[in-house]
């Protein structure tokens, strides 16, 4: 593997890891909003996970 191929492979791997982290954070935020949002019961909103 040449140095150029190694740099390209590392760049693609970092890009994929960044995209994975971004979508995981977005998904967690959406699940939390759905579970603790406007349609949640008052007891659910006061749970430790929702605060």
PDB file of N, CA and C in Angstrom:
ATOM      1  N   UNK A   1       0.841  -1.175   0.000  1.00  0.00           N
ATOM      2  CA  UNK A   1       0.000   0.000   0.000  1.00  0.00           C
ATOM      3  C   UNK A   1       0.888   1.240   0.000  1.00  0.00           C
ATOM      4  N   UNK A   2       0.616   2.130  -0.887  1.00  0.00           N
ATOM      5  CA  UNK A   2       1.422   3.346  -0.946  1.00  0.00           C
ATOM      6  C   UNK A   2       0.954   4.335   0.112  1.00  0.00           C
ATOM      7  N   UNK A   3       1.741   5.343   0.318  1.00  0.00           N
ATOM      8  CA  UNK A   3       1.419   6.370   1.317  1.00  0.00           C
ATOM      9  C   UNK A   3       0.124   7.091   0.954  1.00  0.00           C
ATOM     10  N   UNK A   4      -0.098   7.334  -0.328  1.00  0.00           N
ATOM     11  CA  UNK A   4      -1.324   8.003  -0.770  1.00  0.00           C
ATOM     12  C   UNK A   4      -2.563   7.169  -0.480  1.00  0.00           C
ATOM     13  N   UNK A   5      -2.481   5.863  -0.741  1.00  0.00           N
ATOM     14  CA  UNK A   5      -3.606   4.972  -0.454  1.00  0.00           C
ATOM     15  C   UNK A   5      -3.896   4.923   1.044  1.00  0.00           C
ATOM     16  N   UNK A   6      -2.844   4.944   1.853  1.00  0.00           N
ATOM     17  CA  UNK A   6      -3.014   4.909   3.293  1.00  0.00           C
ATOM     18  C   UNK A   6      -3.721   6.170   3.784  1.00  0.00           C
ATOM     19  N   UNK A   7      -3.347   7.310   3.256  1.00  0.00           N
ATOM     20  CA  UNK A   7      -3.978   8.565   3.654  1.00  0.00           C
ATOM     21  C   UNK A   7      -5.453   8.611   3.226  1.00  0.00           C
ATOM     22  N   UNK A   8      -5.721   8.121   2.047  1.00  0.00           N
ATOM     23  CA  UNK A   8      -7.110   8.092   1.567  1.00  0.00           C
ATOM     24  C   UNK A   8      -7.940   7.132   2.420  1.00  0.00           C
ATOM     25  N   UNK A   9      -7.392   5.976   2.731  1.00  0.00           N
ATOM     26  CA  UNK A   9      -8.106   5.005   3.555  1.00  0.00           C
ATOM     27  C   UNK A   9      -8.376   5.566   4.951  1.00  0.00           C
ATOM     28  N   UNK A  10      -7.410   6.230   5.526  1.00  0.00           N
ATOM     29  CA  UNK A  10      -7.582   6.823   6.855  1.00  0.00           C
ATOM     30  C   UNK A  10      -8.634   7.937   6.814  1.00  0.00           C
ATOM     31  N   UNK A  11      -8.623   8.735   5.763  1.00  0.00           N
ATOM     32  CA  UNK A  11      -9.605   9.806   5.629  1.00  0.00           C
ATOM     33  C   UNK A  11     -11.020   9.255   5.500  1.00  0.00           C
ATOM     34  N   UNK A  12     -11.183   8.224   4.710  1.00  0.00           N
ATOM     35  CA  UNK A  12     -12.506   7.613   4.539  1.00  0.00           C
ATOM     36  C   UNK A  12     -12.969   6.989   5.851  1.00  0.00           C
ATOM     37  N   UNK A  13     -12.073   6.337   6.569  1.00  0.00           N
ATOM     38  CA  UNK A  13     -12.428   5.726   7.855  1.00  0.00           C
ATOM     39  C   UNK A  13     -12.853   6.788   8.861  1.00  0.00           C
ATOM     40  N   UNK A  14     -12.141   7.902   8.928  1.00  0.00           N
ATOM     41  CA  UNK A  14     -12.513   8.993   9.830  1.00  0.00           C
ATOM     42  C   UNK A  14     -13.848   9.613   9.441  1.00  0.00           C
ATOM     43  N   UNK A  15     -14.090   9.759   8.148  1.00  0.00           N
ATOM     44  CA  UNK A  15     -15.362  10.301   7.677  1.00  0.00           C
ATOM     45  C   UNK A  15     -16.514   9.381   8.065  1.00  0.00           C
ATOM     46  N   UNK A  16     -16.338   8.088   7.864  1.00  0.00           N
ATOM     47  CA  UNK A  16     -17.386   7.119   8.232  1.00  0.00           C
ATOM     48  C   UNK A  16     -17.639   7.126   9.734  1.00  0.00           C
ATOM     49  N   UNK A  17     -16.594   7.195  10.528  1.00  0.00           N
ATOM     50  CA  UNK A  17     -16.751   7.240  11.981  1.00  0.00           C
ATOM     51  C   UNK A  17     -17.486   8.506  12.410  1.00  0.00           C
ATOM     52  N   UNK A  18     -17.160   9.635  11.786  1.00  0.00           N
ATOM     53  CA  UNK A  18     -17.838  10.887  12.108  1.00  0.00           C
ATOM     54  C   UNK A  18     -19.315  10.839  11.764  1.00  0.00           C
ATOM     55  N   UNK A  19     -19.643  10.267  10.621  1.00  0.00           N
ATOM     56  CA  UNK A  19     -21.047  10.145  10.216  1.00  0.00           C
ATOM     57  C   UNK A  19     -21.794   9.232  11.186  1.00  0.00           C
ATOM     58  N   UNK A  20     -21.178   8.142  11.596  1.00  0.00           N
ATOM     59  CA  UNK A  20     -21.804   7.221  12.546  1.00  0.00           C
ATOM     60  C   UNK A  20     -22.092   7.916  13.874  1.00  0.00           C
ATOM     61  N   UNK A  21     -21.136   8.671  14.381  1.00  0.00           N
ATOM     62  CA  UNK A  21     -21.326   9.394  15.641  1.00  0.00           C
ATOM     63  C   UNK A  21     -22.429  10.436  15.499  1.00  0.00           C
ATOM     64  N   UNK A  22     -22.445  11.158  14.394  1.00  0.00           N
ATOM     65  CA  UNK A  22     -23.463  12.188  14.170  1.00  0.00           C
ATOM     66  C   UNK A  22     -24.859  11.592  14.160  1.00  0.00           C
ATOM     67  N   UNK A  23     -25.054  10.524  13.406  1.00  0.00           N
ATOM     68  CA  UNK A  23     -26.385   9.928  13.314  1.00  0.00           C
ATOM     69  C   UNK A  23     -26.798   9.266  14.628  1.00  0.00           C
ATOM     70  N   UNK A  24     -25.844   8.739  15.381  1.00  0.00           N
ATOM     71  CA  UNK A  24     -26.173   8.159  16.677  1.00  0.00           C
ATOM     72  C   UNK A  24     -26.665   9.247  17.630  1.00  0.00           C
ATOM     73  N   UNK A  25     -25.994  10.405  17.652  1.00  0.00           N
ATOM     74  CA  UNK A  25     -26.416  11.510  18.505  1.00  0.00           C
ATOM     75  C   UNK A  25     -27.787  12.032  18.096  1.00  0.00           C
ATOM     76  N   UNK A  26     -28.033  12.128  16.809  1.00  0.00           N
ATOM     77  CA  UNK A  26     -29.331  12.596  16.317  1.00  0.00           C
ATOM     78  C   UNK A  26     -30.420  11.608  16.706  1.00  0.00           C
ATOM     79  N   UNK A  27     -30.147  10.319  16.557  1.00  0.00           N
ATOM     80  CA  UNK A  27     -31.147   9.303  16.887  1.00  0.00           C
ATOM     81  C   UNK A  27     -31.472   9.311  18.377  1.00  0.00           C
ATOM     82  N   UNK A  28     -30.458   9.445  19.223  1.00  0.00           N
ATOM     83  CA  UNK A  28     -30.698   9.494  20.665  1.00  0.00           C
ATOM     84  C   UNK A  28     -31.535  10.716  21.018  1.00  0.00           C
ATOM     85  N   UNK A  29     -31.249  11.845  20.398  1.00  0.00           N
ATOM     86  CA  UNK A  29     -32.033  13.049  20.650  1.00  0.00           C
ATOM     87  C   UNK A  29     -33.476  12.901  20.217  1.00  0.00           C
ATOM     88  N   UNK A  30     -33.699  12.262  19.083  1.00  0.00           N
ATOM     89  CA  UNK A  30     -35.069  12.062  18.605  1.00  0.00           C
ATOM     90  C   UNK A  30     -35.836  11.109  19.513  1.00  0.00           C
ATOM     91  N   UNK A  31     -35.194  10.049  19.959  1.00  0.00           N
ATOM     92  CA  UNK A  31     -35.862   9.099  20.858  1.00  0.00           C
ATOM     93  C   UNK A  31     -36.187   9.772  22.185  1.00  0.00           C
ATOM     94  N   UNK A  32     -35.256  10.568  22.691  1.00  0.00           N
ATOM     95  CA  UNK A  32     -35.510  11.269  23.950  1.00  0.00           C
ATOM     96  C   UNK A  32     -36.649  12.269  23.780  1.00  0.00           C
ATOM     97  N   UNK A  33     -36.681  12.999  22.666  1.00  0.00           N
ATOM     98  CA  UNK A  33     -37.772  13.953  22.443  1.00  0.00           C
ATOM     99  C   UNK A  33     -39.102  13.224  22.347  1.00  0.00           C
ATOM    100  N   UNK A  34     -39.129  12.113  21.655  1.00  0.00           N
ATOM    101  CA  UNK A  34     -40.379  11.372  21.492  1.00  0.00           C
ATOM    102  C   UNK A  34     -40.852  10.806  22.834  1.00  0.00           C
ATOM    103  N   UNK A  35     -39.928  10.254  23.632  1.00  0.00           N
ATOM    104  CA  UNK A  35     -40.308   9.644  24.904  1.00  0.00           C
ATOM    105  C   UNK A  35     -40.603  10.668  25.993  1.00  0.00           C
ATOM    106  N   UNK A  36     -39.977  11.843  25.925  1.00  0.00           N
ATOM    107  CA  UNK A  36     -40.126  12.846  26.987  1.00  0.00           C
ATOM    108  C   UNK A  36     -40.820  14.107  26.492  1.00  0.00           C
ATOM    109  N   UNK A  37     -41.286  14.102  25.280  1.00  0.00           N
ATOM    110  CA  UNK A  37     -41.848  15.289  24.660  1.00  0.00           C
ATOM    111  C   UNK A  37     -43.286  15.578  25.033  1.00  0.00           C
ATOM    112  N   UNK A  38     -43.975  16.277  24.157  1.00  0.00           N
ATOM    113  CA  UNK A  38     -45.317  16.776  24.463  1.00  0.00           C
ATOM    114  C   UNK A  38     -46.351  15.691  24.723  1.00  0.00           C
ATOM    115  N   UNK A  39     -46.170  14.507  24.191  1.00  0.00           N
ATOM    116  CA  UNK A  39     -47.168  13.449  24.378  1.00  0.00           C
ATOM    117  C   UNK A  39     -46.851  12.542  25.564  1.00  0.00           C
ATOM    118  N   UNK A  40     -45.747  12.786  26.235  1.00  0.00           N
ATOM    119  CA  UNK A  40     -45.369  11.955  27.380  1.00  0.00           C
ATOM    120  C   UNK A  40     -46.191  12.343  28.602  1.00  0.00           C
ATOM    121  N   UNK A  41     -46.379  11.393  29.485  1.00  0.00           N
ATOM    122  CA  UNK A  41     -47.093  11.683  30.725  1.00  0.00           C
ATOM    123  C   UNK A  41     -46.186  12.483  31.655  1.00  0.00           C
ATOM    124  N   UNK A  42     -46.785  13.108  32.645  1.00  0.00           N
ATOM    125  CA  UNK A  42     -46.008  13.938  33.572  1.00  0.00           C
ATOM    126  C   UNK A  42     -45.006  13.104  34.366  1.00  0.00           C
ATOM    127  N   UNK A  43     -45.393  11.900  34.757  1.00  0.00           N
ATOM    128  CA  UNK A  43     -44.455  11.055  35.515  1.00  0.00           C
ATOM    129  C   UNK A  43     -43.267  10.639  34.648  1.00  0.00           C
ATOM    130  N   UNK A  44     -43.500  10.422  33.383  1.00  0.00           N
ATOM    131  CA  UNK A  44     -42.403  10.070  32.479  1.00  0.00           C
ATOM    132  C   UNK A  44     -41.450  11.247  32.312  1.00  0.00           C
ATOM    133  N   UNK A  45     -41.983  12.448  32.218  1.00  0.00           N
ATOM    134  CA  UNK A  45     -41.129  13.635  32.054  1.00  0.00           C
ATOM    135  C   UNK A  45     -40.254  13.889  33.266  1.00  0.00           C
ATOM    136  N   UNK A  46     -40.688  13.453  34.441  1.00  0.00           N
ATOM    137  CA  UNK A  46     -39.918  13.703  35.663  1.00  0.00           C
ATOM    138  C   UNK A  46     -38.894  12.615  35.945  1.00  0.00           C
ATOM    139  N   UNK A  47     -38.830  11.597  35.128  1.00  0.00           N
ATOM    140  CA  UNK A  47     -37.838  10.549  35.333  1.00  0.00           C
ATOM    141  C   UNK A  47     -36.436  11.093  35.117  1.00  0.00           C
ATOM    142  N   UNK A  48     -35.474  10.419  35.699  1.00  0.00           N
ATOM    143  CA  UNK A  48     -34.080  10.854  35.626  1.00  0.00           C
ATOM    144  C   UNK A  48     -33.580  10.926  34.185  1.00  0.00           C
ATOM    145  N   UNK A  49     -34.014   9.984  33.342  1.00  0.00           N
ATOM    146  CA  UNK A  49     -33.542   9.934  31.958  1.00  0.00           C
ATOM    147  C   UNK A  49     -34.002  11.140  31.149  1.00  0.00           C
ATOM    148  N   UNK A  50     -35.173  11.687  31.471  1.00  0.00           N
ATOM    149  CA  UNK A  50     -35.714  12.815  30.703  1.00  0.00           C
ATOM    150  C   UNK A  50     -35.140  14.158  31.137  1.00  0.00           C
ATOM    151  N   UNK A  51     -34.596  14.239  32.327  1.00  0.00           N
ATOM    152  CA  UNK A  51     -34.079  15.531  32.799  1.00  0.00           C
ATOM    153  C   UNK A  51     -32.763  15.861  32.247  1.00  0.00           C
TER     154      UNK A  51
END
